[in-house]
Amino acid sequence: MTDARGINATLREGGTPTAEDLAWFAAGLASGAVTDAQAGAFAMAVCLRGLGEGGRVALTRAMRDSGQVLHWDLPGPVLDKHSTGGIGDCVSLLLAPALVACGAYVPMISGRGLGHTGGTLDKLEAIPGFRTGLSEDQLRAQIADVHCAIVSASAQIAPADRRLYLIRDVTGTVESIDLITASILSKKLAAGLEGLVLDVKVGSGAFMKSHAQAEALARALVKTAQGAGCMTSALITDMSQPLATAAGNALEIIEVMETLTGVSVNAALWDLTAALGGEVLALGGLADDAEDGAGRISAALESGQAAEVFGRMVAAQGGPADFVDRWPDRLPSAPIQREVLCDRDGFIVAIDGAALGQAVVHLGGGRLREGDRVNPSVGLADLAGIGEEVGEGLPLAIIHAATEAEADRAVQMVHAAYRVGNAAPDEPPLVHGRIG
């Protein structure tokens, strides 16, 4: 008879539970039949012993199937993208509408900020009235009409993951690749995807600091997703510096809108959006290959089609109907803006992305504790990038803060995050590798 004690004993002894065992365990997490102590022992055993490729696939499927799994009958492929998290990473807001303009349907289940990294839902909620919590009927209606939605996971989507994640957070097992993989993919695959592209970040602003760590996670994610029946590929992309020149919810929306509308195009955001979109369009049969797909994404951005879809999505989810035309008037702004001035001449040779992310969190743009209210207006703008020449008295960034005291602290944190040297370094590549 399957029980938690036997499953944990199997793991402790170096074995892999059967698919039936893992299905029982995931169902027990969702129903409460598995206790917190048993779930904690499971998480620790997986962290120390691992599950292997087959076990990862089985756990991912079991957690996906612990709740509602969406099924679609649409005249085009259902596609999505997931990022492992970084600073100034607002690609999803460009990519979802661009994919729609290329013929895809995109029910994107996204998350909130985690630690030093920003969250897509928090960014969208900087738009007045924007609702991220949709019922299944509302989601289906919006996908039928607009063809995309960016929403939070309902309580019915992968409930086993919601429970296990909280256990992992308090047992020090968050960094297990097996558990990360099952957590990410159980929610994504419950959305009924036919194709998925993964953006696995590496560098100072990412959870994976080394290329070896990022490649291991990318391979685990791709193999597991494919094993669970979803066409998937991954790009390992740079997070040694913020992707956008802003970090903070409304400030990143501004950069997205500037790029979508052509007011001021951020080349890194555009190029990464095209690269990721090209991958998933090819997976979904909407492009001959990734290069062809990237060209189609760029055309959707350049033509304004992606901006038009974005505006329809914002209006459908409760935001202003005229947002694409009037976005500068619709977003909140912080009362205090302060330049962070460089103290020497030279070149930016390194940036501690996690430290910049923490500066945003301490300004109120993220959560220090679960349940903290996020201030959408605060953050960092006009961030200097690696290789940029700077001089004494010239700005490294502009702080947007709610109080003078918070601005003072952020100045110190930003200064500590930048390293200035005498010689210009090589600029890091945007894409480090591809898996899949």
Protein backbone atom coordinates (compact mmCIF):
# COMPACT_ATOMS: atom_id res chain seq x y z
CA MET A 1 0.00 0.00 0.00
CA THR A 2 1.34 3.41 -0.97
CA ASP A 3 2.00 5.80 1.89
CA ALA A 4 4.24 8.80 2.59
CA ARG A 5 6.49 6.85 4.97
CA GLY A 6 7.26 4.23 2.32
CA ILE A 7 7.88 6.83 -0.40
CA ASN A 8 10.27 8.77 1.83
CA ALA A 9 12.05 5.56 2.84
CA THR A 10 12.56 4.69 -0.83
CA LEU A 11 14.07 8.12 -1.48
CA ARG A 12 16.23 7.99 1.63
CA GLU A 13 17.71 4.69 0.48
CA GLY A 14 18.56 6.10 -2.95
CA GLY A 15 15.64 4.62 -4.89
CA THR A 16 13.07 6.33 -7.08
CA PRO A 17 9.38 6.07 -6.21
CA THR A 18 7.12 4.75 -8.95
CA ALA A 19 4.90 7.02 -11.02
CA GLU A 20 1.93 5.67 -9.05
CA ASP A 21 3.66 6.52 -5.76
CA LEU A 22 4.36 10.08 -6.91
CA ALA A 23 0.79 10.51 -8.18
CA TRP A 24 -0.48 9.43 -4.75
CA PHE A 25 1.93 11.83 -3.01
CA ALA A 26 0.94 14.81 -5.19
CA ALA A 27 -2.74 14.09 -4.61
CA GLY A 28 -2.01 13.89 -0.88
CA LEU A 29 -0.27 17.27 -0.96
CA ALA A 30 -3.33 18.78 -2.63
CA SER A 31 -5.86 17.13 -0.30
CA GLY A 32 -3.92 17.49 2.95
CA ALA A 33 -3.53 13.73 3.42
CA VAL A 34 0.25 14.28 3.38
CA THR A 35 1.34 16.18 6.50
CA ASP A 36 3.78 19.10 6.55
CA ALA A 37 6.36 16.88 8.25
CA GLN A 38 6.03 14.22 5.55
CA ALA A 39 6.20 16.85 2.80
CA GLY A 40 9.32 18.36 4.38
CA ALA A 41 10.99 14.96 4.60
CA PHE A 42 10.12 14.34 0.94
CA ALA A 43 11.58 17.68 -0.16
CA MET A 44 14.79 17.10 1.79
CA ALA A 45 15.17 13.54 0.47
CA VAL A 46 14.69 14.71 -3.13
CA CYS A 47 17.15 17.55 -2.56
CA LEU A 48 19.81 15.17 -1.21
CA ARG A 49 19.19 12.04 -3.32
CA GLY A 50 17.52 13.32 -6.49
CA LEU A 51 14.82 11.72 -8.60
CA GLY A 52 16.57 11.10 -11.91
CA GLU A 53 15.07 11.94 -15.29
CA GLY A 54 12.16 9.49 -15.08
CA GLY A 55 11.28 10.56 -11.56
CA ARG A 56 11.28 14.24 -12.55
CA VAL A 57 8.84 13.53 -15.39
CA ALA A 58 6.59 11.47 -13.11
CA LEU A 59 6.57 14.11 -10.34
CA THR A 60 5.88 16.89 -12.85
CA ARG A 61 2.94 14.99 -14.34
CA ALA A 62 1.63 14.12 -10.90
CA MET A 63 1.75 17.73 -9.71
CA ARG A 64 0.19 18.93 -12.96
CA ASP A 65 -2.62 16.42 -12.54
CA SER A 66 -3.20 17.28 -8.88
CA GLY A 67 -5.64 19.97 -10.03
CA GLN A 68 -7.30 21.32 -13.13
CA VAL A 69 -5.63 20.80 -16.53
CA LEU A 70 -6.89 23.06 -19.31
CA HIS A 71 -7.64 21.69 -22.77
CA TRP A 72 -8.10 23.87 -25.81
CA ASP A 73 -9.74 23.47 -29.21
CA LEU A 74 -8.41 26.46 -31.11
CA PRO A 75 -7.47 27.14 -34.75
CA GLY A 76 -3.84 27.80 -33.84
CA PRO A 77 -1.16 26.44 -31.50
CA VAL A 78 -1.20 27.23 -27.76
CA LEU A 79 2.27 28.55 -26.92
CA ASP A 80 4.03 30.12 -23.95
CA LYS A 81 7.35 31.18 -22.46
CA HIS A 82 8.82 30.97 -18.96
CA SER A 83 11.77 32.85 -17.48
CA THR A 84 13.65 31.66 -14.40
CA GLY A 85 13.79 35.27 -13.17
CA GLY A 86 16.04 38.28 -13.38
CA ILE A 87 16.29 42.07 -13.09
CA GLY A 88 14.55 44.28 -15.63
CA ASP A 89 13.19 41.20 -17.40
CA CYS A 90 9.92 42.35 -18.96
CA VAL A 91 10.14 40.21 -22.11
CA SER A 92 6.81 38.45 -21.45
CA LEU A 93 4.95 41.72 -21.96
CA LEU A 94 6.44 42.09 -25.43
CA LEU A 95 6.42 38.42 -26.39
CA ALA A 96 2.83 37.41 -25.57
CA PRO A 97 1.21 39.98 -27.92
CA ALA A 98 3.87 39.43 -30.59
CA LEU A 99 3.14 35.68 -30.59
CA VAL A 100 -0.55 36.43 -31.01
CA ALA A 101 0.23 38.68 -33.97
CA CYS A 102 2.01 35.69 -35.51
CA GLY A 103 -0.99 33.36 -35.15
CA ALA A 104 -0.53 31.79 -31.69
CA TYR A 105 -2.80 31.61 -28.65
CA VAL A 106 -1.09 32.50 -25.36
CA PRO A 107 -2.71 31.68 -21.97
CA MET A 108 0.32 32.81 -19.93
CA ILE A 109 0.23 31.84 -16.26
CA SER A 110 2.78 34.08 -14.54
CA GLY A 111 4.10 34.80 -11.07
CA ARG A 112 4.94 37.62 -8.70
CA GLY A 113 8.33 38.84 -7.59
CA LEU A 114 10.48 36.23 -5.87
CA GLY A 115 13.39 37.40 -3.74
CA HIS A 116 15.42 39.97 -5.67
CA THR A 117 13.70 39.24 -9.00
CA GLY A 118 10.71 41.09 -10.40
CA GLY A 119 7.37 39.46 -11.21
CA THR A 120 5.30 39.84 -14.37
CA LEU A 121 2.03 40.10 -12.45
CA ASP A 122 3.35 42.90 -10.23
CA LYS A 123 4.46 44.81 -13.33
CA LEU A 124 1.08 44.50 -15.02
CA GLU A 125 -0.72 45.57 -11.85
CA ALA A 126 1.10 48.91 -12.11
CA ILE A 127 -1.44 49.59 -14.88
CA PRO A 128 -4.54 51.05 -13.17
CA GLY A 129 -7.39 48.56 -13.04
CA PHE A 130 -5.47 45.62 -14.52
CA ARG A 131 -6.80 42.30 -13.12
CA THR A 132 -4.57 39.23 -13.07
CA GLY A 133 -7.04 36.89 -11.34
CA LEU A 134 -9.45 35.53 -13.96
CA SER A 135 -11.87 32.63 -13.62
CA GLU A 136 -11.61 29.79 -16.10
CA ASP A 137 -14.65 31.10 -17.98
CA GLN A 138 -13.14 34.59 -18.15
CA LEU A 139 -9.79 33.18 -19.30
CA ARG A 140 -11.43 31.10 -22.03
CA ALA A 141 -13.51 34.03 -23.24
CA GLN A 142 -10.45 36.29 -23.39
CA ILE A 143 -8.34 33.72 -25.23
CA ALA A 144 -11.15 33.30 -27.77
CA ASP A 145 -11.41 37.08 -28.26
CA VAL A 146 -7.93 38.58 -27.71
CA HIS A 147 -5.95 35.32 -28.11
CA CYS A 148 -3.75 36.10 -25.09
CA ALA A 149 -4.01 36.69 -21.36
CA ILE A 150 -1.40 37.04 -18.63
CA VAL A 151 -2.86 35.78 -15.37
CA SER A 152 -2.09 34.31 -11.97
CA ALA A 153 -2.55 30.60 -11.35
CA SER A 154 -5.95 29.81 -9.86
CA ALA A 155 -6.23 27.70 -6.73
CA GLN A 156 -7.23 24.80 -8.99
CA ILE A 157 -3.98 24.88 -11.02
CA ALA A 158 -1.31 22.51 -9.65
CA PRO A 159 -2.40 22.76 -5.98
CA ALA A 160 0.28 20.22 -5.01
CA ASP A 161 2.93 22.70 -6.16
CA ARG A 162 1.48 25.53 -4.10
CA ARG A 163 1.69 23.39 -0.98
CA LEU A 164 5.12 21.93 -1.69
CA TYR A 165 6.60 25.32 -2.55
CA LEU A 166 5.72 26.69 0.87
CA ILE A 167 7.32 23.61 2.46
CA ARG A 168 10.46 24.05 0.35
CA ASP A 169 10.73 27.68 1.39
CA VAL A 170 10.93 26.81 5.11
CA THR A 171 13.06 23.67 4.75
CA GLY A 172 15.90 25.14 2.67
CA THR A 173 15.16 22.97 -0.38
CA VAL A 174 14.14 25.68 -2.86
CA GLU A 175 17.30 25.19 -4.97
CA SER A 176 16.77 21.49 -5.78
CA ILE A 177 16.78 21.20 -9.60
CA ASP A 178 14.29 18.32 -9.45
CA LEU A 179 11.84 20.35 -7.36
CA ILE A 180 12.40 23.58 -9.34
CA THR A 181 11.68 21.66 -12.55
CA ALA A 182 8.48 20.06 -11.28
CA SER A 183 7.31 23.37 -9.79
CA ILE A 184 7.79 25.42 -12.97
CA LEU A 185 6.47 22.84 -15.39
CA SER A 186 3.48 21.57 -13.42
CA LYS A 187 1.86 25.02 -13.64
CA LYS A 188 2.87 25.66 -17.26
CA LEU A 189 1.72 22.26 -18.52
CA ALA A 190 -1.58 22.58 -16.65
CA ALA A 191 -2.30 25.48 -19.02
CA GLY A 192 -2.61 22.99 -21.89
CA LEU A 193 0.42 24.13 -23.89
CA GLU A 194 1.54 22.68 -27.21
CA GLY A 195 4.87 24.50 -27.24
CA LEU A 196 7.03 26.15 -24.58
CA VAL A 197 10.27 28.12 -24.70
CA LEU A 198 12.30 28.51 -21.51
CA ASP A 199 14.51 31.49 -20.73
CA VAL A 200 17.08 30.21 -18.23
CA LYS A 201 19.00 33.15 -16.80
CA VAL A 202 22.65 33.04 -15.75
CA GLY A 203 24.72 35.67 -13.96
CA SER A 204 24.77 37.99 -10.97
CA GLY A 205 21.07 38.89 -11.24
CA ALA A 206 19.88 35.29 -11.71
CA PHE A 207 19.31 32.42 -9.31
CA MET A 208 21.81 30.38 -11.34
CA LYS A 209 25.15 32.18 -11.05
CA SER A 210 27.30 29.85 -13.20
CA HIS A 211 26.88 28.54 -16.73
CA ALA A 212 27.13 24.95 -15.45
CA GLN A 213 24.20 25.51 -13.05
CA ALA A 214 22.10 27.18 -15.73
CA GLU A 215 22.82 24.44 -18.27
CA ALA A 216 21.93 21.72 -15.77
CA LEU A 217 18.60 23.40 -15.04
CA ALA A 218 17.88 24.04 -18.73
CA ARG A 219 18.53 20.40 -19.63
CA ALA A 220 16.35 19.16 -16.77
CA LEU A 221 13.51 21.48 -17.78
CA VAL A 222 13.64 20.63 -21.48
CA LYS A 223 13.91 16.87 -21.01
CA THR A 224 11.15 16.84 -18.41
CA ALA A 225 8.75 18.98 -20.43
CA GLN A 226 9.36 16.88 -23.53
CA GLY A 227 8.93 13.72 -21.47
CA ALA A 228 5.59 15.07 -20.28
CA GLY A 229 4.48 15.61 -23.87
CA CYS A 230 5.17 19.31 -24.55
CA MET A 231 7.48 20.47 -27.35
CA THR A 232 10.10 22.56 -25.54
CA SER A 233 13.44 24.28 -26.03
CA ALA A 234 15.50 26.60 -23.84
CA LEU A 235 17.85 29.52 -24.29
CA ILE A 236 20.47 30.26 -21.64
CA THR A 237 20.53 34.06 -21.52
CA ASP A 238 22.61 36.69 -19.80
CA MET A 239 21.70 38.21 -16.46
CA SER A 240 25.08 39.68 -15.52
CA GLN A 241 23.29 43.03 -15.78
CA PRO A 242 19.64 44.14 -15.93
CA LEU A 243 17.98 43.33 -19.25
CA ALA A 244 16.07 46.63 -19.39
CA THR A 245 17.55 49.95 -18.30
CA ALA A 246 14.88 50.09 -15.59
CA ALA A 247 14.02 47.90 -12.62
CA GLY A 248 10.67 48.47 -10.95
CA ASN A 249 7.09 47.82 -11.94
CA ALA A 250 5.78 51.01 -13.58
CA LEU A 251 9.26 51.91 -14.80
CA GLU A 252 9.53 48.61 -16.68
CA ILE A 253 6.05 49.09 -18.15
CA ILE A 254 7.31 52.44 -19.49
CA GLU A 255 10.25 50.71 -21.18
CA VAL A 256 7.93 48.05 -22.63
CA MET A 257 5.60 50.70 -24.05
CA GLU A 258 8.49 52.73 -25.47
CA THR A 259 9.69 49.60 -27.28
CA LEU A 260 6.23 48.43 -28.40
CA THR A 261 5.32 51.85 -29.78
CA GLY A 262 8.76 52.66 -31.22
CA VAL A 263 9.25 55.75 -29.07
CA SER A 264 12.61 54.48 -27.79
CA VAL A 265 13.48 50.87 -28.60
CA ASN A 266 15.52 48.87 -26.09
CA ALA A 267 17.64 46.69 -28.39
CA ALA A 268 18.31 43.98 -25.78
CA LEU A 269 14.61 43.59 -24.97
CA TRP A 270 13.72 43.49 -28.67
CA ASP A 271 16.45 41.00 -29.59
CA LEU A 272 15.70 38.60 -26.75
CA THR A 273 11.97 38.77 -27.43
CA ALA A 274 12.65 37.88 -31.07
CA ALA A 275 15.03 35.05 -30.16
CA LEU A 276 12.65 33.43 -27.67
CA GLY A 277 9.64 34.00 -29.90
CA GLY A 278 11.44 32.51 -32.87
CA GLU A 279 12.11 29.34 -30.91
CA VAL A 280 8.51 28.80 -29.82
CA LEU A 281 6.99 29.76 -33.19
CA ALA A 282 9.11 27.04 -34.77
CA LEU A 283 8.01 24.55 -32.10
CA GLY A 284 4.38 25.43 -32.82
CA GLY A 285 4.69 25.12 -36.59
CA LEU A 286 4.18 28.84 -37.24
CA ALA A 287 7.71 29.32 -38.58
CA ASP A 288 10.10 27.23 -40.65
CA ASP A 289 12.84 27.51 -38.02
CA ALA A 290 13.93 29.75 -35.14
CA GLU A 291 15.53 32.29 -37.48
CA ASP A 292 12.36 32.60 -39.53
CA GLY A 293 10.34 32.87 -36.33
CA ALA A 294 12.58 35.64 -34.95
CA GLY A 295 12.00 37.60 -38.13
CA ARG A 296 8.24 37.21 -37.75
CA ILE A 297 8.37 38.42 -34.14
CA SER A 298 10.44 41.46 -35.16
CA ALA A 299 7.93 42.24 -37.91
CA ALA A 300 5.05 42.06 -35.39
CA LEU A 301 6.87 44.50 -33.11
CA GLU A 302 7.90 46.87 -35.90
CA SER A 303 4.48 46.99 -37.55
CA GLY A 304 2.68 47.93 -34.34
CA GLN A 305 0.59 44.73 -34.38
CA ALA A 306 2.06 43.60 -31.06
CA ALA A 307 1.24 46.97 -29.48
CA GLU A 308 -2.35 46.71 -30.74
CA VAL A 309 -2.76 43.23 -29.20
CA PHE A 310 -1.20 44.44 -25.93
CA GLY A 311 -3.73 47.27 -25.77
CA ARG A 312 -6.62 44.86 -26.33
CA MET A 313 -5.31 42.59 -23.58
CA VAL A 314 -4.99 45.49 -21.12
CA ALA A 315 -8.55 46.63 -21.83
CA ALA A 316 -9.92 43.08 -21.57
CA GLN A 317 -8.31 42.66 -18.13
CA GLY A 318 -9.71 45.89 -16.71
CA GLY A 319 -7.05 48.43 -17.67
CA PRO A 320 -7.58 51.67 -19.59
CA ALA A 321 -9.01 51.19 -23.09
CA ASP A 322 -6.69 53.92 -24.40
CA PHE A 323 -3.55 52.64 -22.66
CA VAL A 324 -1.39 52.25 -25.80
CA ASP A 325 -2.10 55.88 -26.76
CA ARG A 326 -2.10 57.43 -23.29
CA TRP A 327 0.27 55.27 -21.24
CA PRO A 328 2.47 58.18 -20.03
CA ASP A 329 -0.61 59.66 -18.34
CA ARG A 330 -1.90 56.38 -16.93
CA LEU A 331 1.06 55.09 -14.90
CA PRO A 332 1.90 56.11 -11.30
CA SER A 333 5.08 58.07 -10.59
CA ALA A 334 7.18 58.35 -7.43
CA PRO A 335 7.43 61.74 -5.68
CA ILE A 336 11.23 61.61 -5.31
CA GLN A 337 13.81 61.15 -8.05
CA ARG A 338 17.49 61.07 -7.15
CA GLU A 339 20.55 60.57 -9.33
CA VAL A 340 23.23 58.14 -8.17
CA LEU A 341 26.50 59.79 -9.21
CA CYS A 342 29.67 57.93 -10.09
CA ASP A 343 32.70 58.74 -7.94
CA ARG A 344 35.45 58.10 -10.53
CA ASP A 345 36.21 58.01 -14.24
CA GLY A 346 36.36 54.67 -16.04
CA PHE A 347 34.17 51.91 -17.43
CA ILE A 348 31.48 49.74 -15.88
CA VAL A 349 33.20 46.34 -15.58
CA ALA A 350 30.71 44.43 -13.39
CA ILE A 351 27.24 44.81 -11.89
CA ASP A 352 25.76 42.91 -8.96
CA GLY A 353 22.27 42.38 -10.35
CA ALA A 354 20.94 40.77 -7.18
CA ALA A 355 22.02 43.87 -5.20
CA LEU A 356 20.13 46.13 -7.63
CA GLY A 357 17.09 43.88 -7.24
CA GLN A 358 17.33 44.18 -3.47
CA ALA A 359 17.53 47.96 -3.80
CA VAL A 360 14.19 47.88 -5.66
CA VAL A 361 12.68 45.59 -3.00
CA HIS A 362 13.80 47.91 -0.19
CA LEU A 363 12.33 50.90 -2.03
CA GLY A 364 9.00 49.07 -1.80
CA GLY A 365 8.95 47.69 -5.33
CA GLY A 366 9.00 44.09 -4.07
CA ARG A 367 8.21 42.09 -0.95
CA LEU A 368 10.44 41.68 2.09
CA ARG A 369 7.74 39.45 3.64
CA GLU A 370 4.80 37.55 2.20
CA GLY A 371 1.79 39.84 2.12
CA ASP A 372 3.77 43.09 1.79
CA ARG A 373 2.06 45.68 -0.40
CA VAL A 374 4.07 46.63 -3.50
CA ASN A 375 4.51 50.28 -4.49
CA PRO A 376 4.27 50.22 -8.31
CA SER A 377 5.92 53.62 -8.83
CA VAL A 378 9.33 53.06 -7.22
CA GLY A 379 12.51 51.56 -8.64
CA LEU A 380 15.60 52.35 -10.65
CA ALA A 381 15.78 53.96 -14.10
CA ASP A 382 18.47 54.84 -16.65
CA LEU A 383 20.75 52.13 -15.31
CA ALA A 384 24.29 52.20 -16.72
CA GLY A 385 25.34 48.96 -18.40
CA ILE A 386 28.52 46.87 -18.58
CA GLY A 387 31.09 48.45 -20.88
CA GLU A 388 29.63 51.92 -20.57
CA GLU A 389 32.10 54.75 -20.03
CA VAL A 390 31.35 56.78 -16.93
CA GLY A 391 32.89 59.76 -15.20
CA GLU A 392 33.04 61.35 -11.78
CA GLY A 393 29.80 63.18 -11.12
CA LEU A 394 27.90 61.44 -13.94
CA PRO A 395 24.82 59.31 -13.14
CA LEU A 396 24.88 55.53 -12.78
CA ALA A 397 21.11 55.41 -12.26
CA ILE A 398 18.09 57.45 -11.22
CA ILE A 399 16.27 56.35 -8.08
CA HIS A 400 12.47 56.70 -7.94
CA ALA A 401 11.50 56.62 -4.26
CA ALA A 402 8.58 57.31 -1.94
CA THR A 403 10.65 58.89 0.86
CA GLU A 404 13.97 60.68 1.22
CA ALA A 405 15.18 58.04 3.69
CA GLU A 406 14.48 55.22 1.22
CA ALA A 407 16.24 57.16 -1.51
CA ASP A 408 19.30 57.65 0.74
CA ARG A 409 19.54 53.91 1.40
CA ALA A 410 19.05 53.08 -2.28
CA VAL A 411 21.92 55.39 -3.26
CA GLN A 412 24.28 53.35 -1.09
CA MET A 413 22.95 50.03 -2.42
CA VAL A 414 23.31 51.09 -6.06
CA HIS A 415 26.85 52.38 -5.49
CA ALA A 416 27.78 49.02 -3.94
CA ALA A 417 26.35 47.14 -6.92
CA TYR A 418 28.59 48.82 -9.52
CA ARG A 419 32.28 48.15 -10.13
CA VAL A 420 34.21 50.68 -12.22
CA GLY A 421 37.57 49.85 -13.82
CA ASN A 422 40.13 51.53 -16.02
CA ALA A 423 39.65 49.44 -19.17
CA ALA A 424 36.48 48.63 -21.09
CA PRO A 425 35.48 44.96 -20.66
CA ASP A 426 34.03 42.71 -23.34
CA GLU A 427 30.26 43.06 -23.31
CA PRO A 428 28.55 39.78 -22.39
CA PRO A 429 26.55 38.00 -25.09
CA LEU A 430 22.77 38.16 -24.81
CA VAL A 431 22.37 34.42 -25.48
CA HIS A 432 24.91 31.96 -24.06
CA GLY A 433 23.49 28.75 -25.48
CA ARG A 434 20.51 26.70 -26.59
CA ILE A 435 19.12 23.40 -25.27
CA GLY A 436 16.52 21.33 -27.07
